[in-house]
Each structure stands twice: as structure tokens, then as C-alpha cells.
Amino acid sequence: MDFVDIIKKIIDQNVRISIHYGKVTAVAVSPNSISVRLSGSSTAVTGVKYLASYSPTVNDVVVCLVNKGDVLVLGELA
């Protein structure tokens, strides 16, 4: 699947991706996932996946992609 196919799929499925900041509240080893409290929220989202290049630590401030409740952490904010 190339870039154009991905964009068409996003448009066809009415995907609404937004970017949020969050704070890591917990790190799980098996399966690899984290809990993140998104900005403006008082509760954490659990079972969040992250990019392999990121090594999460509790209290990291992270950049997240959000689509209809699905969250993906891109990495730590420098």
C-alpha cells in the first residue's frame, strides 16, 4: 500500500486523526504497552501502543495520534 492508497482509505473511512499531548502513567512489559493520560483528561487510557524507537518511562510527556478512541504514542516531547 503506497501513500496515495493510505490517503484514499483515510478519506473513504472518514478517519479523523488528531494530535494530543499526554503523560505516561504506567509501563507494561508483556504485552508492550503503556497507560497515558491525555491532556484535558483526568483518567488514563490503558493498553496504548507506541513506536519501537521510543522507550517509555513513567511521567514522560508524549505526542499522541488519536482516532476515534484509538491512541498511538509517537514518542517523548523534547
N, C-alpha and C. Protein backbone atom coordinates (compact mmCIF):
# COMPACT_ATOMS: atom_id res chain seq x y z
N MET A 1 0.85 -1.17 0.00
CA MET A 1 0.00 0.00 0.00
C MET A 1 0.90 1.24 0.00
N ASP A 2 0.69 2.12 -0.95
CA ASP A 2 1.50 3.33 -1.01
C ASP A 2 0.77 4.50 -0.36
N PHE A 3 1.42 5.65 -0.35
CA PHE A 3 0.90 6.83 0.33
C PHE A 3 -0.47 7.24 -0.19
N VAL A 4 -0.65 7.23 -1.49
CA VAL A 4 -1.93 7.63 -2.10
C VAL A 4 -3.05 6.69 -1.65
N ASP A 5 -2.77 5.38 -1.60
CA ASP A 5 -3.77 4.41 -1.13
C ASP A 5 -4.15 4.67 0.32
N ILE A 6 -3.17 5.01 1.13
CA ILE A 6 -3.45 5.30 2.54
C ILE A 6 -4.34 6.52 2.67
N ILE A 7 -4.04 7.58 1.92
CA ILE A 7 -4.85 8.80 1.97
C ILE A 7 -6.27 8.51 1.50
N LYS A 8 -6.43 7.74 0.44
CA LYS A 8 -7.77 7.38 -0.04
C LYS A 8 -8.53 6.61 1.03
N LYS A 9 -7.86 5.69 1.71
CA LYS A 9 -8.51 4.91 2.77
C LYS A 9 -8.96 5.82 3.91
N ILE A 10 -8.10 6.76 4.28
CA ILE A 10 -8.46 7.72 5.34
C ILE A 10 -9.70 8.51 4.94
N ILE A 11 -9.74 8.99 3.70
CA ILE A 11 -10.89 9.78 3.23
C ILE A 11 -12.14 8.91 3.15
N ASP A 12 -12.02 7.71 2.59
CA ASP A 12 -13.18 6.82 2.44
C ASP A 12 -13.78 6.41 3.77
N GLN A 13 -12.95 6.21 4.76
CA GLN A 13 -13.44 5.75 6.06
C GLN A 13 -13.71 6.91 7.02
N ASN A 14 -13.61 8.12 6.54
CA ASN A 14 -13.88 9.31 7.34
C ASN A 14 -13.05 9.32 8.63
N VAL A 15 -11.78 9.01 8.50
CA VAL A 15 -10.88 8.97 9.65
C VAL A 15 -10.58 10.41 10.09
N ARG A 16 -10.69 10.64 11.38
CA ARG A 16 -10.41 11.97 11.94
C ARG A 16 -9.29 11.84 12.95
N ILE A 17 -8.08 12.03 12.48
CA ILE A 17 -6.91 11.91 13.35
C ILE A 17 -6.63 13.25 13.99
N SER A 18 -6.38 13.23 15.29
CA SER A 18 -5.99 14.45 16.00
C SER A 18 -4.71 14.18 16.78
N ILE A 19 -4.01 15.23 17.10
CA ILE A 19 -2.76 15.13 17.84
C ILE A 19 -2.98 15.70 19.24
N HIS A 20 -2.55 14.94 20.25
CA HIS A 20 -2.69 15.36 21.64
C HIS A 20 -1.36 15.15 22.36
N TYR A 21 -1.17 15.90 23.42
CA TYR A 21 -0.09 15.62 24.35
C TYR A 21 -0.65 14.71 25.43
N GLY A 22 0.22 13.94 26.04
CA GLY A 22 -0.20 13.08 27.13
C GLY A 22 0.95 12.86 28.08
N LYS A 23 0.63 12.23 29.21
CA LYS A 23 1.65 11.90 30.20
C LYS A 23 1.56 10.42 30.51
N VAL A 24 2.70 9.73 30.42
CA VAL A 24 2.75 8.29 30.68
C VAL A 24 2.53 8.06 32.17
N THR A 25 1.55 7.20 32.50
CA THR A 25 1.25 6.91 33.90
C THR A 25 1.68 5.51 34.31
N ALA A 26 1.89 4.61 33.35
CA ALA A 26 2.34 3.25 33.65
C ALA A 26 2.93 2.62 32.40
N VAL A 27 3.86 1.68 32.62
CA VAL A 27 4.51 0.96 31.53
C VAL A 27 4.34 -0.53 31.78
N ALA A 28 3.82 -1.27 30.79
CA ALA A 28 3.66 -2.72 30.88
C ALA A 28 4.66 -3.40 29.96
N VAL A 29 5.20 -4.52 30.41
CA VAL A 29 6.22 -5.22 29.63
C VAL A 29 5.61 -6.29 28.72
N SER A 30 4.59 -6.98 29.18
CA SER A 30 4.02 -8.05 28.38
C SER A 30 2.50 -7.97 28.40
N PRO A 31 1.86 -7.56 27.33
CA PRO A 31 2.47 -7.08 26.08
C PRO A 31 2.99 -5.65 26.25
N ASN A 32 3.91 -5.26 25.38
CA ASN A 32 4.47 -3.92 25.45
C ASN A 32 3.37 -2.89 25.20
N SER A 33 3.04 -2.15 26.23
CA SER A 33 2.04 -1.09 26.11
C SER A 33 2.23 -0.13 27.27
N ILE A 34 1.56 1.00 27.19
CA ILE A 34 1.65 1.99 28.25
C ILE A 34 0.26 2.52 28.56
N SER A 35 0.15 3.20 29.68
CA SER A 35 -1.05 3.95 30.03
C SER A 35 -0.71 5.42 29.89
N VAL A 36 -1.61 6.17 29.28
CA VAL A 36 -1.36 7.59 29.01
C VAL A 36 -2.58 8.41 29.43
N ARG A 37 -2.32 9.48 30.17
CA ARG A 37 -3.38 10.44 30.49
C ARG A 37 -3.27 11.58 29.48
N LEU A 38 -4.25 11.65 28.57
CA LEU A 38 -4.24 12.68 27.53
C LEU A 38 -4.53 14.04 28.14
N SER A 39 -4.00 15.08 27.51
CA SER A 39 -4.22 16.44 28.01
C SER A 39 -5.72 16.72 28.11
N GLY A 40 -6.12 17.30 29.23
CA GLY A 40 -7.52 17.64 29.45
C GLY A 40 -8.34 16.52 30.05
N SER A 41 -7.73 15.37 30.30
CA SER A 41 -8.44 14.22 30.86
C SER A 41 -7.93 13.91 32.26
N SER A 42 -8.82 13.40 33.09
CA SER A 42 -8.40 13.03 34.45
C SER A 42 -8.13 11.53 34.58
N THR A 43 -8.46 10.76 33.54
CA THR A 43 -8.23 9.32 33.58
C THR A 43 -7.27 8.91 32.47
N ALA A 44 -6.56 7.81 32.70
CA ALA A 44 -5.58 7.33 31.73
C ALA A 44 -6.21 6.32 30.78
N VAL A 45 -5.72 6.31 29.55
CA VAL A 45 -6.07 5.29 28.56
C VAL A 45 -5.05 4.17 28.71
N THR A 46 -5.51 2.94 28.86
CA THR A 46 -4.60 1.81 29.07
C THR A 46 -4.40 1.03 27.78
N GLY A 47 -3.34 0.23 27.73
CA GLY A 47 -3.08 -0.63 26.58
C GLY A 47 -2.69 0.12 25.33
N VAL A 48 -2.05 1.27 25.50
CA VAL A 48 -1.67 2.12 24.37
C VAL A 48 -0.37 1.60 23.76
N LYS A 49 -0.33 1.47 22.45
CA LYS A 49 0.88 1.06 21.73
C LYS A 49 1.75 2.29 21.44
N TYR A 50 3.02 2.04 21.18
CA TYR A 50 3.96 3.13 20.89
C TYR A 50 4.96 2.65 19.85
N LEU A 51 5.62 3.59 19.20
CA LEU A 51 6.61 3.26 18.18
C LEU A 51 7.80 2.56 18.81
N ALA A 52 8.40 1.62 18.09
CA ALA A 52 9.51 0.83 18.59
C ALA A 52 10.73 1.68 18.94
N SER A 53 10.86 2.83 18.32
CA SER A 53 12.02 3.69 18.57
C SER A 53 11.91 4.45 19.90
N TYR A 54 10.76 4.39 20.56
CA TYR A 54 10.53 5.11 21.81
C TYR A 54 10.63 4.14 22.99
N SER A 55 11.37 4.52 24.03
CA SER A 55 11.48 3.73 25.25
C SER A 55 10.74 4.47 26.36
N PRO A 56 9.51 4.06 26.66
CA PRO A 56 8.68 4.82 27.60
C PRO A 56 9.14 4.74 29.05
N THR A 57 8.94 5.84 29.75
CA THR A 57 9.20 5.94 31.17
C THR A 57 8.03 6.70 31.80
N VAL A 58 7.63 6.29 33.01
CA VAL A 58 6.55 6.98 33.71
C VAL A 58 6.90 8.46 33.84
N ASN A 59 5.91 9.31 33.63
CA ASN A 59 5.98 10.78 33.68
C ASN A 59 6.52 11.42 32.41
N ASP A 60 6.85 10.63 31.38
CA ASP A 60 7.22 11.23 30.09
C ASP A 60 6.02 12.01 29.54
N VAL A 61 6.30 13.15 28.94
CA VAL A 61 5.29 13.89 28.20
C VAL A 61 5.43 13.44 26.75
N VAL A 62 4.34 12.92 26.17
CA VAL A 62 4.40 12.29 24.86
C VAL A 62 3.44 12.94 23.87
N VAL A 63 3.74 12.72 22.59
CA VAL A 63 2.88 13.17 21.49
C VAL A 63 2.09 11.96 21.02
N CYS A 64 0.76 12.12 20.92
CA CYS A 64 -0.12 11.01 20.60
C CYS A 64 -0.98 11.32 19.38
N LEU A 65 -1.20 10.30 18.54
CA LEU A 65 -2.20 10.37 17.49
C LEU A 65 -3.45 9.69 18.02
N VAL A 66 -4.60 10.33 17.84
CA VAL A 66 -5.86 9.78 18.34
C VAL A 66 -6.86 9.70 17.19
N ASN A 67 -7.49 8.52 17.05
CA ASN A 67 -8.53 8.31 16.05
C ASN A 67 -9.66 7.52 16.68
N LYS A 68 -10.78 8.17 16.92
CA LYS A 68 -11.96 7.51 17.47
C LYS A 68 -11.65 6.65 18.68
N GLY A 69 -10.87 7.16 19.60
CA GLY A 69 -10.55 6.42 20.81
C GLY A 69 -9.31 5.57 20.74
N ASP A 70 -8.80 5.31 19.54
CA ASP A 70 -7.54 4.59 19.40
C ASP A 70 -6.39 5.58 19.56
N VAL A 71 -5.42 5.21 20.37
CA VAL A 71 -4.29 6.11 20.65
C VAL A 71 -2.99 5.42 20.26
N LEU A 72 -2.10 6.15 19.61
CA LEU A 72 -0.77 5.68 19.27
C LEU A 72 0.22 6.74 19.73
N VAL A 73 1.20 6.35 20.55
CA VAL A 73 2.22 7.29 21.02
C VAL A 73 3.36 7.31 20.02
N LEU A 74 3.69 8.50 19.56
CA LEU A 74 4.79 8.67 18.59
C LEU A 74 6.14 8.78 19.28
N GLY A 75 6.15 9.34 20.48
CA GLY A 75 7.40 9.48 21.21
C GLY A 75 7.32 10.57 22.24
N GLU A 76 8.43 10.76 22.93
CA GLU A 76 8.52 11.75 24.01
C GLU A 76 8.76 13.13 23.44
N LEU A 77 8.14 14.11 24.07
CA LEU A 77 8.33 15.51 23.69
C LEU A 77 9.66 15.99 24.28
N ALA A 78 10.49 16.57 23.45
CA ALA A 78 11.81 17.04 23.91
C ALA A 78 11.69 18.39 24.59
